[in-house]
C-alpha atoms as a PDB file:
ATOM      1  CA  UNK A   1      51.718 -12.198  94.764  1.00  0.00           C
ATOM      2  CA  UNK A   2      51.536 -11.569  91.065  1.00  0.00           C
ATOM      3  CA  UNK A   3      48.346 -12.419  90.333  1.00  0.00           C
ATOM      4  CA  UNK A   4      47.386 -10.100  93.449  1.00  0.00           C
ATOM      5  CA  UNK A   5      49.517  -6.802  91.937  1.00  0.00           C
ATOM      6  CA  UNK A   6      47.533  -7.556  88.291  1.00  0.00           C
ATOM      7  CA  UNK A   7      44.071  -7.560  89.638  1.00  0.00           C
ATOM      8  CA  UNK A   8      45.456  -4.825  91.987  1.00  0.00           C
ATOM      9  CA  UNK A   9      46.361  -3.081  88.925  1.00  0.00           C
ATOM     10  CA  UNK A  10      43.689  -3.690  86.784  1.00  0.00           C
ATOM     11  CA  UNK A  11      40.964  -2.666  89.718  1.00  0.00           C
ATOM     12  CA  UNK A  12      43.410   0.732  89.901  1.00  0.00           C
ATOM     13  CA  UNK A  13      42.602   1.223  85.894  1.00  0.00           C
ATOM     14  CA  UNK A  14      38.985   0.555  86.188  1.00  0.00           C
ATOM     15  CA  UNK A  15      38.536   3.359  88.557  1.00  0.00           C
ATOM     16  CA  UNK A  16      40.959   5.474  86.752  1.00  0.00           C
ATOM     17  CA  UNK A  17      38.618   5.478  83.498  1.00  0.00           C
ATOM     18  CA  UNK A  18      34.991   5.171  85.223  1.00  0.00           C
ATOM     19  CA  UNK A  19      36.250   8.551  87.190  1.00  0.00           C
ATOM     20  CA  UNK A  20      37.555  10.157  83.911  1.00  0.00           C
ATOM     21  CA  UNK A  21      33.816   9.132  82.327  1.00  0.00           C
ATOM     22  CA  UNK A  22      32.393  10.628  85.011  1.00  0.00           C
ATOM     23  CA  UNK A  23      34.454  13.953  84.339  1.00  0.00           C
ATOM     24  CA  UNK A  24      33.410  13.516  80.898  1.00  0.00           C
ATOM     25  CA  UNK A  25      29.527  12.955  81.824  1.00  0.00           C
ATOM     26  CA  UNK A  26      29.869  16.077  83.705  1.00  0.00           C
ATOM     27  CA  UNK A  27      30.002  18.373  80.325  1.00  0.00           C
ATOM     28  CA  UNK A  28      26.464  16.667  78.640  1.00  0.00           C
ATOM     29  CA  UNK A  29      24.075  16.907  81.385  1.00  0.00           C
ATOM     30  CA  UNK A  30      21.395  15.288  79.365  1.00  0.00           C
ATOM     31  CA  UNK A  31      23.460  12.359  79.769  1.00  0.00           C
ATOM     32  CA  UNK A  32      24.010  12.482  83.460  1.00  0.00           C
ATOM     33  CA  UNK A  33      20.259  10.698  84.106  1.00  0.00           C
ATOM     34  CA  UNK A  34      21.074   7.730  82.840  1.00  0.00           C
ATOM     35  CA  UNK A  35      21.470   4.555  84.484  1.00  0.00           C
ATOM     36  CA  UNK A  36      25.199   4.042  83.556  1.00  0.00           C
ATOM     37  CA  UNK A  37      26.162   7.615  84.673  1.00  0.00           C
ATOM     38  CA  UNK A  38      23.805   6.501  88.065  1.00  0.00           C
ATOM     39  CA  UNK A  39      26.302   3.746  88.415  1.00  0.00           C
ATOM     40  CA  UNK A  40      29.242   5.853  87.245  1.00  0.00           C
ATOM     41  CA  UNK A  41      28.622   8.493  90.125  1.00  0.00           C
ATOM     42  CA  UNK A  42      28.202   5.558  92.770  1.00  0.00           C
ATOM     43  CA  UNK A  43      31.324   3.463  92.140  1.00  0.00           C
ATOM     44  CA  UNK A  44      33.420   6.740  91.905  1.00  0.00           C
ATOM     45  CA  UNK A  45      32.021   8.985  94.584  1.00  0.00           C
ATOM     46  CA  UNK A  46      33.532   6.612  97.382  1.00  0.00           C
ATOM     47  CA  UNK A  47      36.788   7.968  96.119  1.00  0.00           C
ATOM     48  CA  UNK A  48      35.850  11.915  94.857  1.00  0.00           C
ATOM     49  CA  UNK A  49      34.381  12.366  98.072  1.00  0.00           C
ATOM     50  CA  UNK A  50      37.406  11.890 100.640  1.00  0.00           C
ATOM     51  CA  UNK A  51      39.403  13.818  98.106  1.00  0.00           C
ATOM     52  CA  UNK A  52      36.844  16.877  97.819  1.00  0.00           C
ATOM     53  CA  UNK A  53      37.333  16.722 101.511  1.00  0.00           C
ATOM     54  CA  UNK A  54      41.101  16.972 101.658  1.00  0.00           C
ATOM     55  CA  UNK A  55      40.820  19.674  99.207  1.00  0.00           C
ATOM     56  CA  UNK A  56      38.247  21.716 101.251  1.00  0.00           C
ATOM     57  CA  UNK A  57      40.516  21.502 104.535  1.00  0.00           C
ATOM     58  CA  UNK A  58      43.214  22.801 102.614  1.00  0.00           C
ATOM     59  CA  UNK A  59      41.087  25.535 101.289  1.00  0.00           C
ATOM     60  CA  UNK A  60      41.494  24.727  97.660  1.00  0.00           C
ATOM     61  CA  UNK A  61      37.573  24.146  97.279  1.00  0.00           C
ATOM     62  CA  UNK A  62      37.349  26.706  94.221  1.00  0.00           C
ATOM     63  CA  UNK A  63      33.313  27.242  94.098  1.00  0.00           C
ATOM     64  CA  UNK A  64      32.105  25.645  90.590  1.00  0.00           C
ATOM     65  CA  UNK A  65      35.572  24.230  89.281  1.00  0.00           C
ATOM     66  CA  UNK A  66      36.007  20.449  91.383  1.00  0.00           C
ATOM     67  CA  UNK A  67      39.537  19.183  91.450  1.00  0.00           C
ATOM     68  CA  UNK A  68      38.895  16.409  93.286  1.00  0.00           C
ATOM     69  CA  UNK A  69      39.122  14.060  89.940  1.00  0.00           C
ATOM     70  CA  UNK A  70      42.572  15.702  89.550  1.00  0.00           C
ATOM     71  CA  UNK A  71      43.269  14.570  92.980  1.00  0.00           C
ATOM     72  CA  UNK A  72      41.821  11.258  92.497  1.00  0.00           C
ATOM     73  CA  UNK A  73      44.175  11.003  89.727  1.00  0.00           C
ATOM     74  CA  UNK A  74      47.186  11.763  91.441  1.00  0.00           C
ATOM     75  CA  UNK A  75      46.661   9.368  94.295  1.00  0.00           C
ATOM     76  CA  UNK A  76      45.651   6.478  91.966  1.00  0.00           C
ATOM     77  CA  UNK A  77      49.067   6.848  89.789  1.00  0.00           C
ATOM     78  CA  UNK A  78      50.794   7.162  93.272  1.00  0.00           C
ATOM     79  CA  UNK A  79      49.310   3.782  94.512  1.00  0.00           C
ATOM     80  CA  UNK A  80      50.273   2.389  91.140  1.00  0.00           C
ATOM     81  CA  UNK A  81      53.861   3.515  91.496  1.00  0.00           C
ATOM     82  CA  UNK A  82      54.199   1.890  94.768  1.00  0.00           C
ATOM     83  CA  UNK A  83      52.304  -1.293  93.616  1.00  0.00           C
ATOM     84  CA  UNK A  84      54.733  -1.827  90.693  1.00  0.00           C
ATOM     85  CA  UNK A  85      57.650  -1.321  93.217  1.00  0.00           C
ATOM     86  CA  UNK A  86      56.949  -4.135  95.147  1.00  0.00           C
END
C-alpha cells in the first residue's frame, strides 16, 4: 500500500509540473510549436479540459484568461491531501 501511495504522489507531482510548464509555455508563442510542447499539451489536456468545462458551467470562463490550471492545481492538491490522509 505504501508503494502505491508513493507512485500516485509522484504521478501527481509530475502532472503538476507539466501543467506549470504548460502555463509558462503560453508566454512564449515561438516555443509552442515544438515537439516537447506538443507532448506537454497532450499530457495535460485531459486534466485541463474538464476543469475548463467546470469553470464554463459556473460562468467563470473569462474569455482570454484561462483559469483552468488554477482549478487543476487546487484539485491536484486536494487529491494529494486525501492520499496522504489514507
